[in-house]
PDB file of all heavy atoms in Angstrom:
ATOM      1  N   HIS A   1      76.152  73.041-150.241  1.00  0.00           N
ATOM      2  CA  HIS A   1      74.959  73.426-151.109  1.00  0.00           C
ATOM      3  C   HIS A   1      75.137  72.840-152.576  1.00  0.00           C
ATOM      4  O   HIS A   1      74.098  72.347-153.070  1.00  0.00           O
ATOM      5  CB  HIS A   1      75.088  74.984-151.186  1.00  0.00           C
ATOM      6  CG  HIS A   1      73.938  75.544-152.209  1.00  0.00           C
ATOM      7  ND1 HIS A   1      72.515  75.634-151.908  1.00  0.00           N
ATOM      8  CD2 HIS A   1      74.135  76.000-153.390  1.00  0.00           C
ATOM      9  CE1 HIS A   1      71.981  76.133-152.890  1.00  0.00           C
ATOM     10  NE2 HIS A   1      72.904  76.448-153.874  1.00  0.00           N
ATOM     11  N   GLY A   2      76.370  72.704-153.057  1.00  0.00           N
ATOM     12  CA  GLY A   2      76.612  72.232-154.301  1.00  0.00           C
ATOM     13  C   GLY A   2      76.063  70.720-154.349  1.00  0.00           C
ATOM     14  O   GLY A   2      75.577  70.263-155.271  1.00  0.00           O
ATOM     15  N   LEU A   3      76.510  70.074-153.366  1.00  0.00           N
ATOM     16  CA  LEU A   3      76.182  68.596-153.288  1.00  0.00           C
ATOM     17  C   LEU A   3      74.758  68.370-153.085  1.00  0.00           C
ATOM     18  O   LEU A   3      74.071  67.410-153.597  1.00  0.00           O
ATOM     19  CB  LEU A   3      76.989  67.917-152.177  1.00  0.00           C
ATOM     20  CG  LEU A   3      78.392  67.786-152.454  1.00  0.00           C
ATOM     21  CD1 LEU A   3      79.173  67.273-151.249  1.00  0.00           C
ATOM     22  CD2 LEU A   3      78.762  66.907-153.571  1.00  0.00           C
ATOM     23  N   LEU A   4      74.094  69.200-152.337  1.00  0.00           N
ATOM     24  CA  LEU A   4      72.696  69.166-152.040  1.00  0.00           C
ATOM     25  C   LEU A   4      71.904  69.358-153.400  1.00  0.00           C
ATOM     26  O   LEU A   4      70.977  68.706-153.629  1.00  0.00           O
ATOM     27  CB  LEU A   4      72.188  70.241-151.005  1.00  0.00           C
ATOM     28  CG  LEU A   4      72.521  69.932-149.632  1.00  0.00           C
ATOM     29  CD1 LEU A   4      72.176  71.125-148.688  1.00  0.00           C
ATOM     30  CD2 LEU A   4      71.876  68.634-149.067  1.00  0.00           C
ATOM     31  N   GLU A   5      72.291  70.334-154.162  1.00  0.00           N
ATOM     32  CA  GLU A   5      71.743  70.698-155.413  1.00  0.00           C
ATOM     33  C   GLU A   5      71.759  69.554-156.312  1.00  0.00           C
ATOM     34  O   GLU A   5      70.749  69.239-157.195  1.00  0.00           O
ATOM     35  CB  GLU A   5      72.208  72.039-156.088  1.00  0.00           C
ATOM     36  CG  GLU A   5      71.825  73.135-155.327  1.00  0.00           C
ATOM     37  CD  GLU A   5      70.272  73.444-155.317  1.00  0.00           C
ATOM     38  OE1 GLU A   5      69.707  73.277-156.404  1.00  0.00           O
ATOM     39  OE2 GLU A   5      69.712  73.642-154.320  1.00  0.00           O
ATOM     40  N   ALA A   6      72.900  68.841-156.364  1.00  0.00           N
ATOM     41  CA  ALA A   6      73.119  67.631-157.246  1.00  0.00           C
ATOM     42  C   ALA A   6      72.335  66.364-156.898  1.00  0.00           C
ATOM     43  O   ALA A   6      72.048  65.721-157.691  1.00  0.00           O
ATOM     44  CB  ALA A   6      74.564  67.407-157.226  1.00  0.00           C
ATOM     45  N   LEU A   7      72.157  66.251-155.562  1.00  0.00           N
ATOM     46  CA  LEU A   7      71.543  65.023-155.145  1.00  0.00           C
ATOM     47  C   LEU A   7      70.125  65.051-154.548  1.00  0.00           C
ATOM     48  O   LEU A   7      69.508  63.905-154.341  1.00  0.00           O
ATOM     49  CB  LEU A   7      72.545  64.322-154.069  1.00  0.00           C
ATOM     50  CG  LEU A   7      74.020  64.218-154.525  1.00  0.00           C
ATOM     51  CD1 LEU A   7      74.838  63.869-153.332  1.00  0.00           C
ATOM     52  CD2 LEU A   7      74.043  63.155-155.670  1.00  0.00           C
ATOM     53  N   LYS A   8      69.589  66.144-154.133  1.00  0.00           N
ATOM     54  CA  LYS A   8      68.412  66.291-153.390  1.00  0.00           C
ATOM     55  C   LYS A   8      67.203  65.698-154.096  1.00  0.00           C
ATOM     56  O   LYS A   8      66.284  65.267-153.502  1.00  0.00           O
ATOM     57  CB  LYS A   8      68.166  67.681-153.021  1.00  0.00           C
ATOM     58  CG  LYS A   8      67.783  68.546-154.158  1.00  0.00           C
ATOM     59  CD  LYS A   8      67.475  69.985-153.774  1.00  0.00           C
ATOM     60  CE  LYS A   8      67.051  70.935-154.945  1.00  0.00           C
ATOM     61  NZ  LYS A   8      66.859  72.277-154.522  1.00  0.00           N
ATOM     62  N   ASP A   9      67.245  65.650-155.466  1.00  0.00           N
ATOM     63  CA  ASP A   9      66.025  65.100-156.129  1.00  0.00           C
ATOM     64  C   ASP A   9      65.899  63.591-155.994  1.00  0.00           C
ATOM     65  O   ASP A   9      64.764  62.989-156.199  1.00  0.00           O
ATOM     66  CB  ASP A   9      66.070  65.563-157.618  1.00  0.00           C
ATOM     67  CG  ASP A   9      65.893  67.079-157.791  1.00  0.00           C
ATOM     68  OD1 ASP A   9      65.311  67.746-156.808  1.00  0.00           O
ATOM     69  OD2 ASP A   9      66.226  67.672-158.864  1.00  0.00           O
ATOM     70  N   ASP A  10      67.004  62.850-155.843  1.00  0.00           N
ATOM     71  CA  ASP A  10      66.968  61.469-155.856  1.00  0.00           C
ATOM     72  C   ASP A  10      67.326  60.813-154.451  1.00  0.00           C
ATOM     73  O   ASP A  10      67.110  59.585-154.274  1.00  0.00           O
ATOM     74  CB  ASP A  10      67.920  61.017-156.805  1.00  0.00           C
ATOM     75  CG  ASP A  10      67.766  61.412-158.278  1.00  0.00           C
ATOM     76  OD1 ASP A  10      66.677  61.331-158.698  1.00  0.00           O
ATOM     77  OD2 ASP A  10      68.789  62.005-158.874  1.00  0.00           O
ATOM     78  N   TYR A  11      67.868  61.509-153.607  1.00  0.00           N
ATOM     79  CA  TYR A  11      68.200  60.949-152.326  1.00  0.00           C
ATOM     80  C   TYR A  11      67.812  61.767-151.025  1.00  0.00           C
ATOM     81  O   TYR A  11      67.435  62.964-151.110  1.00  0.00           O
ATOM     82  CB  TYR A  11      69.763  60.870-152.238  1.00  0.00           C
ATOM     83  CG  TYR A  11      70.295  60.161-153.457  1.00  0.00           C
ATOM     84  CD1 TYR A  11      70.848  60.892-154.472  1.00  0.00           C
ATOM     85  CD2 TYR A  11      70.185  58.723-153.523  1.00  0.00           C
ATOM     86  CE1 TYR A  11      71.486  60.302-155.531  1.00  0.00           C
ATOM     87  CE2 TYR A  11      70.855  58.160-154.720  1.00  0.00           C
ATOM     88  CZ  TYR A  11      71.490  58.803-155.689  1.00  0.00           C
ATOM     89  OH  TYR A  11      71.791  58.138-156.819  1.00  0.00           O
ATOM     90  N   SER A  12      67.618  61.150-149.982  1.00  0.00           N
ATOM     91  CA  SER A  12      67.465  61.788-148.637  1.00  0.00           C
ATOM     92  C   SER A  12      68.884  62.289-148.124  1.00  0.00           C
ATOM     93  O   SER A  12      69.727  61.431-148.231  1.00  0.00           O
ATOM     94  CB  SER A  12      66.754  60.932-147.631  1.00  0.00           C
ATOM     95  OG  SER A  12      65.481  60.582-148.087  1.00  0.00           O
ATOM     96  N   ILE A  13      69.065  63.504-147.551  1.00  0.00           N
ATOM     97  CA  ILE A  13      70.253  64.034-147.419  1.00  0.00           C
ATOM     98  C   ILE A  13      70.392  64.225-145.809  1.00  0.00           C
ATOM     99  O   ILE A  13      69.488  64.994-145.266  1.00  0.00           O
ATOM    100  CB  ILE A  13      70.533  65.233-148.094  1.00  0.00           C
ATOM    101  CG1 ILE A  13      70.403  65.108-149.609  1.00  0.00           C
ATOM    102  CG2 ILE A  13      71.958  65.763-147.848  1.00  0.00           C
ATOM    103  CD1 ILE A  13      71.233  64.047-150.252  1.00  0.00           C
ATOM    104  N   LEU A  14      71.481  63.857-145.318  1.00  0.00           N
ATOM    105  CA  LEU A  14      71.820  64.230-143.972  1.00  0.00           C
ATOM    106  C   LEU A  14      73.144  65.102-144.158  1.00  0.00           C
ATOM    107  O   LEU A  14      73.936  64.851-145.028  1.00  0.00           O
ATOM    108  CB  LEU A  14      72.309  62.919-143.018  1.00  0.00           C
ATOM    109  CG  LEU A  14      71.243  61.965-142.569  1.00  0.00           C
ATOM    110  CD1 LEU A  14      71.932  60.753-142.064  1.00  0.00           C
ATOM    111  CD2 LEU A  14      70.358  62.782-141.546  1.00  0.00           C
ATOM    112  N   VAL A  15      73.206  66.134-143.190  1.00  0.00           N
ATOM    113  CA  VAL A  15      74.325  67.004-143.259  1.00  0.00           C
ATOM    114  C   VAL A  15      75.049  67.108-141.915  1.00  0.00           C
ATOM    115  O   VAL A  15      74.354  67.179-140.863  1.00  0.00           O
ATOM    116  CB  VAL A  15      73.846  68.427-143.691  1.00  0.00           C
ATOM    117  CG1 VAL A  15      74.920  69.508-143.657  1.00  0.00           C
ATOM    118  CG2 VAL A  15      73.209  68.519-145.074  1.00  0.00           C
ATOM    119  N   ALA A  16      76.319  67.237-142.075  1.00  0.00           N
ATOM    120  CA  ALA A  16      77.232  67.444-140.932  1.00  0.00           C
ATOM    121  C   ALA A  16      78.386  68.232-141.268  1.00  0.00           C
ATOM    122  O   ALA A  16      78.966  68.142-142.267  1.00  0.00           O
ATOM    123  CB  ALA A  16      77.753  65.940-140.391  1.00  0.00           C
ATOM    124  N   THR A  17      78.545  69.202-140.462  1.00  0.00           N
ATOM    125  CA  THR A  17      79.642  70.364-140.754  1.00  0.00           C
ATOM    126  C   THR A  17      80.933  70.088-139.990  1.00  0.00           C
ATOM    127  O   THR A  17      81.887  70.789-140.229  1.00  0.00           O
ATOM    128  CB  THR A  17      79.220  71.685-140.427  1.00  0.00           C
ATOM    129  OG1 THR A  17      78.758  71.854-139.158  1.00  0.00           O
ATOM    130  CG2 THR A  17      77.974  72.053-141.330  1.00  0.00           C
ATOM    131  N   ASP A  18      80.944  68.997-139.198  1.00  0.00           N
ATOM    132  CA  ASP A  18      82.252  68.637-138.609  1.00  0.00           C
ATOM    133  C   ASP A  18      82.371  67.193-138.393  1.00  0.00           C
ATOM    134  O   ASP A  18      81.296  66.481-138.490  1.00  0.00           O
ATOM    135  CB  ASP A  18      82.564  69.377-137.196  1.00  0.00           C
ATOM    136  CG  ASP A  18      81.331  69.112-136.287  1.00  0.00           C
ATOM    137  OD1 ASP A  18      80.959  67.984-136.032  1.00  0.00           O
ATOM    138  OD2 ASP A  18      80.773  70.193-135.804  1.00  0.00           O
ATOM    139  N   GLY A  19      83.527  66.572-138.034  1.00  0.00           N
ATOM    140  CA  GLY A  19      83.794  65.171-137.818  1.00  0.00           C
ATOM    141  C   GLY A  19      82.933  64.501-136.901  1.00  0.00           C
ATOM    142  O   GLY A  19      82.312  63.413-137.028  1.00  0.00           O
ATOM    143  N   PRO A  20      82.810  65.088-135.551  1.00  0.00           N
ATOM    144  CA  PRO A  20      82.051  64.439-134.442  1.00  0.00           C
ATOM    145  C   PRO A  20      80.710  64.329-134.886  1.00  0.00           C
ATOM    146  O   PRO A  20      79.964  63.341-134.537  1.00  0.00           O
ATOM    147  CB  PRO A  20      82.306  65.492-133.307  1.00  0.00           C
ATOM    148  CG  PRO A  20      83.736  65.985-133.568  1.00  0.00           C
ATOM    149  CD  PRO A  20      83.725  66.147-135.091  1.00  0.00           C
ATOM    150  N   LYS A  21      80.070  65.414-135.377  1.00  0.00           N
ATOM    151  CA  LYS A  21      78.654  65.244-135.840  1.00  0.00           C
ATOM    152  C   LYS A  21      78.498  64.218-136.903  1.00  0.00           C
ATOM    153  O   LYS A  21      77.431  63.581-136.930  1.00  0.00           O
ATOM    154  CB  LYS A  21      78.129  66.675-136.449  1.00  0.00           C
ATOM    155  CG  LYS A  21      76.620  66.653-136.751  1.00  0.00           C
ATOM    156  CD  LYS A  21      75.805  66.512-135.561  1.00  0.00           C
ATOM    157  CE  LYS A  21      74.332  66.683-135.883  1.00  0.00           C
ATOM    158  NZ  LYS A  21      73.454  66.520-134.690  1.00  0.00           N
ATOM    159  N   ALA A  22      79.449  64.100-137.821  1.00  0.00           N
ATOM    160  CA  ALA A  22      79.290  62.999-138.889  1.00  0.00           C
ATOM    161  C   ALA A  22      79.258  61.596-138.254  1.00  0.00           C
ATOM    162  O   ALA A  22      78.452  60.909-138.550  1.00  0.00           O
ATOM    163  CB  ALA A  22      80.537  63.141-139.790  1.00  0.00           C
ATOM    164  N   VAL A  23      80.183  61.477-137.237  1.00  0.00           N
ATOM    165  CA  VAL A  23      80.214  60.129-136.628  1.00  0.00           C
ATOM    166  C   VAL A  23      78.839  59.970-135.832  1.00  0.00           C
ATOM    167  O   VAL A  23      78.392  58.713-135.938  1.00  0.00           O
ATOM    168  CB  VAL A  23      81.450  60.045-135.683  1.00  0.00           C
ATOM    169  CG1 VAL A  23      81.403  58.664-134.804  1.00  0.00           C
ATOM    170  CG2 VAL A  23      82.726  60.027-136.302  1.00  0.00           C
ATOM    171  N   GLU A  24      78.341  60.857-135.306  1.00  0.00           N
ATOM    172  CA  GLU A  24      77.163  60.808-134.418  1.00  0.00           C
ATOM    173  C   GLU A  24      76.037  60.423-135.321  1.00  0.00           C
ATOM    174  O   GLU A  24      75.210  59.583-135.081  1.00  0.00           O
ATOM    175  CB  GLU A  24      76.833  62.117-133.711  1.00  0.00           C
ATOM    176  CG  GLU A  24      75.635  62.203-132.964  1.00  0.00           C
ATOM    177  CD  GLU A  24      75.152  63.555-132.509  1.00  0.00           C
ATOM    178  OE1 GLU A  24      75.953  64.395-132.353  1.00  0.00           O
ATOM    179  OE2 GLU A  24      73.964  63.727-132.274  1.00  0.00           O
ATOM    180  N   LEU A  25      76.003  61.119-136.401  1.00  0.00           N
ATOM    181  CA  LEU A  25      74.768  60.781-137.458  1.00  0.00           C
ATOM    182  C   LEU A  25      74.849  59.401-137.970  1.00  0.00           C
ATOM    183  O   LEU A  25      73.909  58.742-138.188  1.00  0.00           O
ATOM    184  CB  LEU A  25      74.791  61.951-138.458  1.00  0.00           C
ATOM    185  CG  LEU A  25      74.113  63.267-138.156  1.00  0.00           C
ATOM    186  CD1 LEU A  25      74.399  64.277-139.312  1.00  0.00           C
ATOM    187  CD2 LEU A  25      72.774  63.266-137.623  1.00  0.00           C
ATOM    188  N   ALA A  26      76.116  59.024-138.409  1.00  0.00           N
ATOM    189  CA  ALA A  26      76.273  57.835-139.052  1.00  0.00           C
ATOM    190  C   ALA A  26      75.949  56.565-138.151  1.00  0.00           C
ATOM    191  O   ALA A  26      75.547  55.615-138.473  1.00  0.00           O
ATOM    192  CB  ALA A  26      77.709  57.603-139.545  1.00  0.00           C
ATOM    193  N   GLN A  27      76.119  56.785-136.779  1.00  0.00           N
ATOM    194  CA  GLN A  27      76.052  55.751-135.911  1.00  0.00           C
ATOM    195  C   GLN A  27      74.618  55.829-135.225  1.00  0.00           C
ATOM    196  O   GLN A  27      74.298  55.215-134.127  1.00  0.00           O
ATOM    197  CB  GLN A  27      77.083  55.606-134.919  1.00  0.00           C
ATOM    198  CG  GLN A  27      78.496  55.388-135.453  1.00  0.00           C
ATOM    199  CD  GLN A  27      79.568  55.199-134.504  1.00  0.00           C
ATOM    200  OE1 GLN A  27      79.414  55.792-133.457  1.00  0.00           O
ATOM    201  NE2 GLN A  27      80.712  54.618-134.894  1.00  0.00           N
ATOM    202  N   GLY A  28      73.788  56.781-135.667  1.00  0.00           N
ATOM    203  CA  GLY A  28      72.459  57.023-135.069  1.00  0.00           C
ATOM    204  C   GLY A  28      71.498  55.833-135.394  1.00  0.00           C
ATOM    205  O   GLY A  28      71.899  54.892-136.071  1.00  0.00           O
ATOM    206  N   PRO A  29      70.329  56.186-135.171  1.00  0.00           N
ATOM    207  CA  PRO A  29      69.292  55.026-135.281  1.00  0.00           C
ATOM    208  C   PRO A  29      68.986  54.757-136.829  1.00  0.00           C
ATOM    209  O   PRO A  29      68.591  53.672-137.157  1.00  0.00           O
ATOM    210  CB  PRO A  29      67.965  55.643-134.769  1.00  0.00           C
ATOM    211  CG  PRO A  29      68.251  57.098-134.646  1.00  0.00           C
ATOM    212  CD  PRO A  29      69.661  57.328-134.557  1.00  0.00           C
ATOM    213  N   THR A  30      69.242  55.608-137.802  1.00  0.00           N
ATOM    214  CA  THR A  30      69.037  55.438-139.226  1.00  0.00           C
ATOM    215  C   THR A  30      70.411  55.760-139.927  1.00  0.00           C
ATOM    216  O   THR A  30      70.555  56.755-140.450  1.00  0.00           O
ATOM    217  CB  THR A  30      67.939  56.301-139.790  1.00  0.00           C
ATOM    218  OG1 THR A  30      68.170  57.680-139.453  1.00  0.00           O
ATOM    219  CG2 THR A  30      66.581  55.894-139.154  1.00  0.00           C
TER     220      THR A  30
END
């Protein structure tokens, strides 16, 4: 939440709450 509040106005945000999801999103289509 703290990072989203700091960055949401300038960037598009992806969120992952664990390692496997982070790898999946990073290696996804975008």
